[in-house]
């Protein structure tokens, strides 16, 4: 294309009935470059925090397998990626000067000839989302660790996963994945992340609680050294330390390492052991057996079982059954569907532990219930049921 002259620019302004006095003196004439085809360029809209990440030299990663919707991860956050169409054509002009830059530079050339390198009719929009962490537990539960003598471990054909493997398979940022590994009490064995088989975990916990009992240690001050000394002949020392970390808080006193055991977590694990072999359990019988099964000096309370077990107050006598939040779907609508299949009407107190983890940033359980459930009054109590028929 021939370069435009000032006279041609002025003539065009006149035809368009524009007053040159109201415009900047500099004129940018655009032409399409030889490579200005669409498709090679992708635009990504970033919030300031993500921009700063890139400018600081850190990278952003797109994660997801072929059948998954792509997410973008920074070091510690996860974002959904969606294509947003725009009615305006977006042009990429290298070295393009904005009106502010032209204003700041009174000596800028009268006519600037710029070449368009590419264009786009859409861009990627990012929306902060919950990390998709359900799969993490699912992968590790394919082959739970049964202990050093587990025969299955020698013959297992299942994949084992390193941190790198999990980073490529799980749609979450590195920090979110590492935090979740802590939450689910995973441990590294020979470089691979593993979850202990529940029976093996209970065996280890039993060794520790029996030792605490026989030594009459306070639950708030369990010495690591003595535990390793006493139990090291029964189980690997790193497994003893892992179970103490899973069920206690580590601290140092006078140069020695101690653990403050978490009573609620111990009660919860023993309740799971009792409930997992029964479809339903008479509530009062369960409470009695449960209290007898925990170490001396610990008191069991039903509120320790939030997100693990559910009491059926409508049955006579009342019953309790295992319902683990981690076994429920990750998708909001699917989660509510499965809960309403289990029980038609829920009180807010009962349903909260099963939907709490779905709350996005600054979202409340109340807001979730308003969106996915319908409320009504039953015997003076507010209850929630499904907005749609559940098949």
Protein backbone atom coordinates (compact mmCIF):
# COMPACT_ATOMS: atom_id res chain seq x y z
CA UNK A 1 0.00 0.00 0.00
CA UNK A 2 1.23 3.46 -0.86
CA UNK A 3 2.10 5.72 2.09
CA UNK A 4 -0.57 8.33 2.77
CA UNK A 5 0.36 11.97 2.53
CA UNK A 6 -0.81 14.71 4.91
CA UNK A 7 -3.04 16.15 2.15
CA UNK A 8 -4.81 12.78 1.78
CA UNK A 9 -5.31 12.56 5.54
CA UNK A 10 -6.80 16.09 5.62
CA UNK A 11 -9.10 15.30 2.68
CA UNK A 12 -10.34 12.15 4.48
CA UNK A 13 -11.02 14.17 7.67
CA UNK A 14 -13.03 16.68 5.63
CA UNK A 15 -15.09 13.92 3.98
CA UNK A 16 -15.78 12.47 7.42
CA UNK A 17 -16.80 15.96 8.62
CA UNK A 18 -14.24 15.89 11.45
CA UNK A 19 -12.57 19.01 12.79
CA UNK A 20 -8.75 18.51 12.84
CA UNK A 21 -8.45 21.01 15.73
CA UNK A 22 -10.27 18.55 18.01
CA UNK A 23 -7.88 15.70 17.17
CA UNK A 24 -4.24 14.96 18.05
CA UNK A 25 -1.83 16.32 15.43
CA UNK A 26 -0.14 12.94 14.93
CA UNK A 27 -1.88 10.50 12.58
CA UNK A 28 -1.32 6.73 12.62
CA UNK A 29 -1.85 5.09 9.26
CA UNK A 30 -2.42 1.32 9.57
CA UNK A 31 -1.66 -1.27 6.92
CA UNK A 32 -1.86 -5.06 7.11
CA UNK A 33 1.55 -6.72 7.15
CA UNK A 34 2.27 -9.82 5.05
CA UNK A 35 1.81 -12.15 8.09
CA UNK A 36 -1.37 -10.56 9.42
CA UNK A 37 -3.49 -13.71 9.21
CA UNK A 38 -5.72 -14.54 12.18
CA UNK A 39 -5.24 -17.60 14.34
CA UNK A 40 -1.54 -17.42 15.22
CA UNK A 41 -2.13 -15.09 18.14
CA UNK A 42 -3.99 -15.74 21.37
CA UNK A 43 -4.99 -12.96 23.74
CA UNK A 44 -5.17 -13.63 27.45
CA UNK A 45 -6.80 -11.14 29.80
CA UNK A 46 -4.86 -11.06 33.08
CA UNK A 47 -5.68 -9.49 36.42
CA UNK A 48 -2.88 -7.25 37.83
CA UNK A 49 -1.64 -9.98 40.21
CA UNK A 50 -1.08 -12.46 37.37
CA UNK A 51 0.54 -9.79 35.24
CA UNK A 52 3.01 -9.14 38.07
CA UNK A 53 3.77 -12.90 38.20
CA UNK A 54 4.81 -12.90 34.54
CA UNK A 55 6.70 -9.62 34.79
CA UNK A 56 8.64 -11.08 37.73
CA UNK A 57 9.77 -13.92 35.44
CA UNK A 58 7.51 -16.61 36.92
CA UNK A 59 5.44 -18.78 34.63
CA UNK A 60 1.76 -19.66 34.30
CA UNK A 61 0.81 -23.22 33.34
CA UNK A 62 -2.19 -24.55 31.44
CA UNK A 63 -3.28 -27.87 32.97
CA UNK A 64 -5.72 -30.54 31.94
CA UNK A 65 -5.92 -33.85 30.12
CA UNK A 66 -7.62 -34.21 26.72
CA UNK A 67 -11.11 -34.76 28.17
CA UNK A 68 -10.88 -31.94 30.73
CA UNK A 69 -11.72 -28.26 30.47
CA UNK A 70 -8.41 -26.34 30.54
CA UNK A 71 -7.42 -24.34 33.62
CA UNK A 72 -4.56 -21.90 34.07
CA UNK A 73 -2.43 -22.10 37.23
CA UNK A 74 -0.02 -19.70 38.87
CA UNK A 75 2.17 -20.89 41.74
CA UNK A 76 -0.77 -20.79 44.18
CA UNK A 77 -4.05 -20.14 42.33
CA UNK A 78 -6.24 -21.84 39.70
CA UNK A 79 -8.32 -20.11 37.01
CA UNK A 80 -10.99 -21.34 34.61
CA UNK A 81 -10.26 -20.42 30.98
CA UNK A 82 -13.15 -19.34 28.79
CA UNK A 83 -13.15 -17.84 25.30
CA UNK A 84 -14.87 -14.45 25.17
CA UNK A 85 -15.96 -13.22 21.75
CA UNK A 86 -15.80 -9.52 20.99
CA UNK A 87 -17.79 -7.56 18.40
CA UNK A 88 -14.76 -5.34 17.74
CA UNK A 89 -11.83 -6.70 15.78
CA UNK A 90 -8.72 -6.61 17.97
CA UNK A 91 -5.59 -5.58 16.05
CA UNK A 92 -1.99 -6.29 17.08
CA UNK A 93 0.22 -3.35 16.17
CA UNK A 94 3.87 -3.65 17.28
CA UNK A 95 5.21 -0.36 18.62
CA UNK A 96 1.74 1.16 18.59
CA UNK A 97 1.58 4.50 20.41
CA UNK A 98 -1.38 5.32 22.65
CA UNK A 99 -2.92 8.82 22.69
CA UNK A 100 -1.25 9.41 26.11
CA UNK A 101 2.17 8.60 24.65
CA UNK A 102 1.58 10.88 21.64
CA UNK A 103 0.44 13.68 23.92
CA UNK A 104 3.53 13.34 26.07
CA UNK A 105 5.77 13.60 23.05
CA UNK A 106 5.02 16.87 21.21
CA UNK A 107 7.89 16.20 18.82
CA UNK A 108 6.26 12.99 17.57
CA UNK A 109 6.15 12.67 13.83
CA UNK A 110 3.16 14.09 12.01
CA UNK A 111 2.27 10.83 10.25
CA UNK A 112 3.16 7.45 11.72
CA UNK A 113 2.94 4.42 9.44
CA UNK A 114 2.20 1.26 11.45
CA UNK A 115 1.84 -2.30 10.26
CA UNK A 116 -0.77 -4.70 11.68
CA UNK A 117 0.92 -7.98 12.61
CA UNK A 118 -2.26 -9.92 13.44
CA UNK A 119 -5.85 -9.70 14.61
CA UNK A 120 -8.32 -11.58 16.77
CA UNK A 121 -12.07 -11.67 17.29
CA UNK A 122 -11.84 -13.24 20.77
CA UNK A 123 -9.65 -13.58 23.84
CA UNK A 124 -9.22 -15.92 26.82
CA UNK A 125 -10.95 -14.75 29.94
CA UNK A 126 -9.75 -16.06 33.32
CA UNK A 127 -11.97 -16.61 36.31
CA UNK A 128 -10.60 -17.70 39.69
CA UNK A 129 -11.96 -21.17 40.47
CA UNK A 130 -11.70 -23.90 43.07
CA UNK A 131 -8.77 -26.22 42.35
CA UNK A 132 -9.98 -29.57 41.01
CA UNK A 133 -8.49 -31.75 43.71
CA UNK A 134 -10.93 -34.70 43.88
CA UNK A 135 -8.80 -36.56 41.35
CA UNK A 136 -5.74 -36.36 43.61
CA UNK A 137 -7.26 -38.64 46.23
CA UNK A 138 -8.76 -40.88 43.51
CA UNK A 139 -5.33 -41.46 41.91
CA UNK A 140 -3.63 -42.19 45.23
CA UNK A 141 -6.46 -44.48 46.36
CA UNK A 142 -5.86 -46.75 43.32
CA UNK A 143 -3.01 -48.26 45.28
CA UNK A 144 -3.09 -47.43 49.01
CA UNK A 145 0.02 -48.34 51.00
CA UNK A 146 -0.54 -51.42 53.15
CA UNK A 147 2.77 -51.28 54.98
CA UNK A 148 6.24 -52.76 54.33
CA UNK A 149 4.87 -56.32 54.45
CA UNK A 150 1.93 -55.65 52.12
CA UNK A 151 2.08 -58.37 49.47
CA UNK A 152 0.05 -56.23 47.12
CA UNK A 153 2.81 -53.60 47.11
CA UNK A 154 5.31 -56.03 45.62
CA UNK A 155 2.93 -57.18 42.86
CA UNK A 156 1.03 -53.92 42.25
CA UNK A 157 0.51 -52.95 38.62
CA UNK A 158 -0.93 -49.52 39.47
CA UNK A 159 0.95 -46.36 38.65
CA UNK A 160 2.73 -44.57 41.45
CA UNK A 161 2.93 -40.79 41.41
CA UNK A 162 5.76 -38.34 42.02
CA UNK A 163 5.14 -34.60 42.61
CA UNK A 164 5.90 -34.00 38.90
CA UNK A 165 3.32 -36.62 37.86
CA UNK A 166 0.66 -35.01 40.03
CA UNK A 167 1.47 -31.55 38.65
CA UNK A 168 0.80 -32.80 35.14
CA UNK A 169 -2.40 -34.69 36.06
CA UNK A 170 -4.17 -32.48 38.62
CA UNK A 171 -5.85 -29.22 37.63
CA UNK A 172 -4.56 -27.11 40.48
CA UNK A 173 -1.55 -24.95 41.31
CA UNK A 174 1.53 -26.45 42.93
CA UNK A 175 0.81 -24.89 46.33
CA UNK A 176 -2.81 -26.06 46.27
CA UNK A 177 -1.71 -29.62 45.39
CA UNK A 178 0.96 -29.74 48.11
CA UNK A 179 -1.51 -28.36 50.66
CA UNK A 180 -4.11 -30.97 49.68
CA UNK A 181 -1.54 -33.78 50.03
CA UNK A 182 -1.15 -32.60 53.64
CA UNK A 183 -4.92 -32.44 54.15
CA UNK A 184 -5.41 -36.05 52.98
CA UNK A 185 -2.40 -37.21 55.05
CA UNK A 186 -0.43 -38.48 52.06
CA UNK A 187 3.21 -39.36 52.64
CA UNK A 188 6.24 -39.79 50.40
CA UNK A 189 7.51 -43.35 50.23
CA UNK A 190 10.57 -43.98 48.03
CA UNK A 191 9.88 -40.72 46.17
CA UNK A 192 6.21 -41.50 45.45
CA UNK A 193 3.16 -39.96 47.11
CA UNK A 194 1.01 -42.58 48.83
CA UNK A 195 -2.09 -42.71 51.03
CA UNK A 196 -2.06 -45.30 53.78
CA UNK A 197 -4.62 -48.08 53.53
CA UNK A 198 -7.21 -47.34 56.24
CA UNK A 199 -6.58 -50.68 58.03
CA UNK A 200 -2.83 -50.01 58.13
CA UNK A 201 -3.41 -46.45 59.35
CA UNK A 202 -5.60 -47.81 62.16
CA UNK A 203 -2.94 -50.39 63.05
CA UNK A 204 -0.32 -47.61 63.40
CA UNK A 205 -2.69 -45.35 65.36
CA UNK A 206 -3.51 -48.25 67.68
CA UNK A 207 0.21 -48.84 68.40
CA UNK A 208 0.64 -45.17 69.28
CA UNK A 209 -2.49 -44.84 71.47
CA UNK A 210 -1.66 -48.07 73.34
CA UNK A 211 1.86 -46.79 74.01
CA UNK A 212 0.49 -43.42 75.24
CA UNK A 213 -1.84 -45.37 77.52
CA UNK A 214 0.82 -47.71 78.92
CA UNK A 215 3.29 -44.85 79.51
CA UNK A 216 0.55 -42.57 80.95
CA UNK A 217 1.75 -39.68 78.79
CA UNK A 218 -0.56 -36.64 78.54
CA UNK A 219 -2.05 -36.42 75.03
CA UNK A 220 -0.62 -32.92 74.80
CA UNK A 221 2.98 -34.13 75.21
CA UNK A 222 3.88 -37.31 73.33
CA UNK A 223 7.68 -37.64 72.85
CA UNK A 224 8.80 -38.58 69.32
CA UNK A 225 12.07 -40.20 70.46
CA UNK A 226 10.41 -42.59 72.89
CA UNK A 227 7.73 -43.53 70.31
CA UNK A 228 10.38 -44.39 67.70
CA UNK A 229 12.38 -46.31 70.31
CA UNK A 230 9.42 -48.38 71.52
CA UNK A 231 7.60 -48.94 68.23
CA UNK A 232 10.53 -49.01 65.78
CA UNK A 233 10.74 -52.80 66.00
CA UNK A 234 7.05 -53.16 65.00
CA UNK A 235 6.81 -50.66 62.13
CA UNK A 236 9.16 -48.46 60.04
CA UNK A 237 10.21 -45.39 62.02
CA UNK A 238 9.08 -43.01 59.24
CA UNK A 239 5.57 -44.55 59.44
CA UNK A 240 5.44 -43.98 63.21
CA UNK A 241 6.45 -40.34 62.66
CA UNK A 242 3.92 -40.01 59.82
CA UNK A 243 1.04 -41.20 62.00
CA UNK A 244 2.08 -38.77 64.76
CA UNK A 245 2.11 -35.95 62.17
CA UNK A 246 -1.30 -37.02 60.82
CA UNK A 247 -2.94 -37.13 64.24
CA UNK A 248 -0.96 -34.49 66.10
CA UNK A 249 0.81 -31.15 66.04
CA UNK A 250 4.60 -31.20 66.19
CA UNK A 251 6.46 -28.85 68.54
CA UNK A 252 9.86 -28.56 70.23
CA UNK A 253 10.33 -28.21 73.99
CA UNK A 254 13.81 -28.01 75.59
CA UNK A 255 15.38 -29.33 72.38
CA UNK A 256 13.15 -32.41 72.26
CA UNK A 257 10.38 -33.08 69.71
CA UNK A 258 6.87 -33.68 71.05
CA UNK A 259 3.41 -34.08 69.55
CA UNK A 260 0.14 -32.70 70.83
CA UNK A 261 -2.39 -35.30 69.72
CA UNK A 262 -5.66 -34.14 68.14
CA UNK A 263 -8.45 -35.79 70.12
CA UNK A 264 -11.15 -34.98 67.53
CA UNK A 265 -9.19 -36.61 64.74
CA UNK A 266 -8.55 -39.77 66.77
CA UNK A 267 -12.28 -40.00 67.66
CA UNK A 268 -13.21 -39.47 64.02
CA UNK A 269 -10.90 -42.24 62.75
CA UNK A 270 -12.21 -44.74 65.30
CA UNK A 271 -15.81 -43.83 64.39
CA UNK A 272 -15.01 -44.49 60.73
CA UNK A 273 -13.55 -47.87 61.64
CA UNK A 274 -16.74 -48.79 63.54
CA UNK A 275 -19.13 -47.47 60.88
CA UNK A 276 -17.47 -48.75 57.73
CA UNK A 277 -18.63 -52.33 58.29
CA UNK A 278 -22.29 -51.46 58.93
CA UNK A 279 -24.87 -50.03 56.53
CA UNK A 280 -26.67 -48.33 59.43
CA UNK A 281 -25.91 -48.39 63.15
CA UNK A 282 -28.35 -47.83 66.02
CA UNK A 283 -27.27 -44.36 67.23
CA UNK A 284 -27.31 -44.95 70.99
CA UNK A 285 -25.51 -48.31 70.62
CA UNK A 286 -22.93 -46.68 68.36
CA UNK A 287 -22.28 -43.83 70.82
CA UNK A 288 -21.69 -46.37 73.60
CA UNK A 289 -19.31 -48.58 71.58
CA UNK A 290 -17.51 -45.53 70.20
CA UNK A 291 -16.81 -44.04 73.64
CA UNK A 292 -15.51 -47.44 74.84
CA UNK A 293 -13.21 -47.73 71.78
CA UNK A 294 -11.30 -44.45 72.15
CA UNK A 295 -8.25 -44.03 74.45
CA UNK A 296 -8.95 -43.23 78.07
CA UNK A 297 -9.44 -39.56 78.89
CA UNK A 298 -10.89 -38.72 75.45
CA UNK A 299 -14.56 -37.76 75.09
CA UNK A 300 -16.48 -38.56 71.90
CA UNK A 301 -18.99 -36.03 70.51
CA UNK A 302 -21.18 -36.30 67.40
CA UNK A 303 -19.93 -32.94 66.11
CA UNK A 304 -16.52 -34.62 65.57
CA UNK A 305 -18.13 -36.55 62.70
CA UNK A 306 -19.09 -33.62 60.45
CA UNK A 307 -18.63 -34.57 56.80
CA UNK A 308 -17.98 -38.21 57.79
CA UNK A 309 -21.28 -39.59 59.14
CA UNK A 310 -24.93 -38.59 59.14
CA UNK A 311 -27.57 -39.17 61.80
CA UNK A 312 -31.04 -40.22 60.62
CA UNK A 313 -33.38 -38.64 63.16
CA UNK A 314 -36.51 -39.77 61.29
CA UNK A 315 -35.90 -43.50 61.82
CA UNK A 316 -37.02 -45.23 65.04
CA UNK A 317 -34.70 -45.81 66.81
CA UNK A 318 -32.39 -43.11 65.42
CA UNK A 319 -29.51 -44.44 63.29
CA UNK A 320 -26.13 -43.23 62.05
CA UNK A 321 -24.36 -44.16 58.80
CA UNK A 322 -21.10 -43.35 57.02
CA UNK A 323 -21.30 -40.54 54.45
CA UNK A 324 -17.92 -39.09 53.56
CA UNK A 325 -17.76 -35.70 51.87
CA UNK A 326 -14.70 -36.79 49.85
CA UNK A 327 -16.80 -39.51 48.15
CA UNK A 328 -19.28 -36.94 46.77
CA UNK A 329 -18.99 -35.30 43.30
CA UNK A 330 -16.87 -32.18 42.85
CA UNK A 331 -19.30 -30.36 40.54
CA UNK A 332 -21.81 -28.16 42.42
CA UNK A 333 -24.99 -29.38 40.70
CA UNK A 334 -23.93 -33.04 40.82
CA UNK A 335 -23.07 -32.67 44.52
CA UNK A 336 -26.54 -31.34 45.33
CA UNK A 337 -28.19 -34.03 43.16
CA UNK A 338 -26.38 -36.79 45.02
CA UNK A 339 -27.23 -35.27 48.43
CA UNK A 340 -30.92 -34.98 47.52
CA UNK A 341 -30.89 -38.62 46.38
CA UNK A 342 -29.62 -39.62 49.84
CA UNK A 343 -32.15 -37.45 51.67
CA UNK A 344 -35.04 -35.47 50.21
CA UNK A 345 -35.08 -32.66 52.79
CA UNK A 346 -32.05 -31.32 54.68
CA UNK A 347 -31.66 -28.84 57.51
CA UNK A 348 -28.91 -26.27 57.03
CA UNK A 349 -26.97 -27.75 59.98
CA UNK A 350 -26.94 -31.23 58.38
CA UNK A 351 -26.12 -30.18 54.81
CA UNK A 352 -23.43 -27.56 55.64
CA UNK A 353 -20.52 -30.03 56.19
CA UNK A 354 -21.32 -31.59 52.79
CA UNK A 355 -21.30 -28.36 50.76
CA UNK A 356 -18.88 -26.13 52.71
CA UNK A 357 -15.98 -27.06 50.41
CA UNK A 358 -17.95 -25.88 47.34
CA UNK A 359 -18.01 -22.26 48.52
CA UNK A 360 -15.94 -20.06 46.23
CA UNK A 361 -14.00 -17.07 47.58
CA UNK A 362 -16.26 -14.95 49.82
CA UNK A 363 -19.27 -17.19 49.04
CA UNK A 364 -21.46 -18.41 51.89
CA UNK A 365 -23.30 -21.70 52.38
CA UNK A 366 -26.52 -19.65 52.39
CA UNK A 367 -25.76 -18.31 48.90
CA UNK A 368 -25.13 -21.86 47.60
CA UNK A 369 -28.40 -23.10 49.09
CA UNK A 370 -30.31 -20.20 47.53
CA UNK A 371 -28.91 -21.12 44.11
CA UNK A 372 -29.22 -24.91 44.20
CA UNK A 373 -32.05 -25.66 46.66
CA UNK A 374 -35.56 -24.58 47.57
CA UNK A 375 -36.47 -23.88 51.18
CA UNK A 376 -39.67 -24.67 53.07
CA UNK A 377 -40.80 -25.06 56.67
CA UNK A 378 -41.28 -28.50 58.21
CA UNK A 379 -42.60 -28.68 61.80
CA UNK A 380 -41.29 -25.16 62.40
CA UNK A 381 -37.82 -25.98 61.04
CA UNK A 382 -36.42 -24.56 57.78
CA UNK A 383 -35.49 -27.39 55.39
CA UNK A 384 -34.02 -27.51 51.88
CA UNK A 385 -34.96 -29.74 48.97
CA UNK A 386 -34.01 -29.93 45.30
CA UNK A 387 -35.06 -27.28 42.79
CA UNK A 388 -35.46 -29.97 40.13
CA UNK A 389 -36.83 -33.53 40.12
CA UNK A 390 -34.09 -36.02 41.06
CA UNK A 391 -34.08 -39.18 38.99
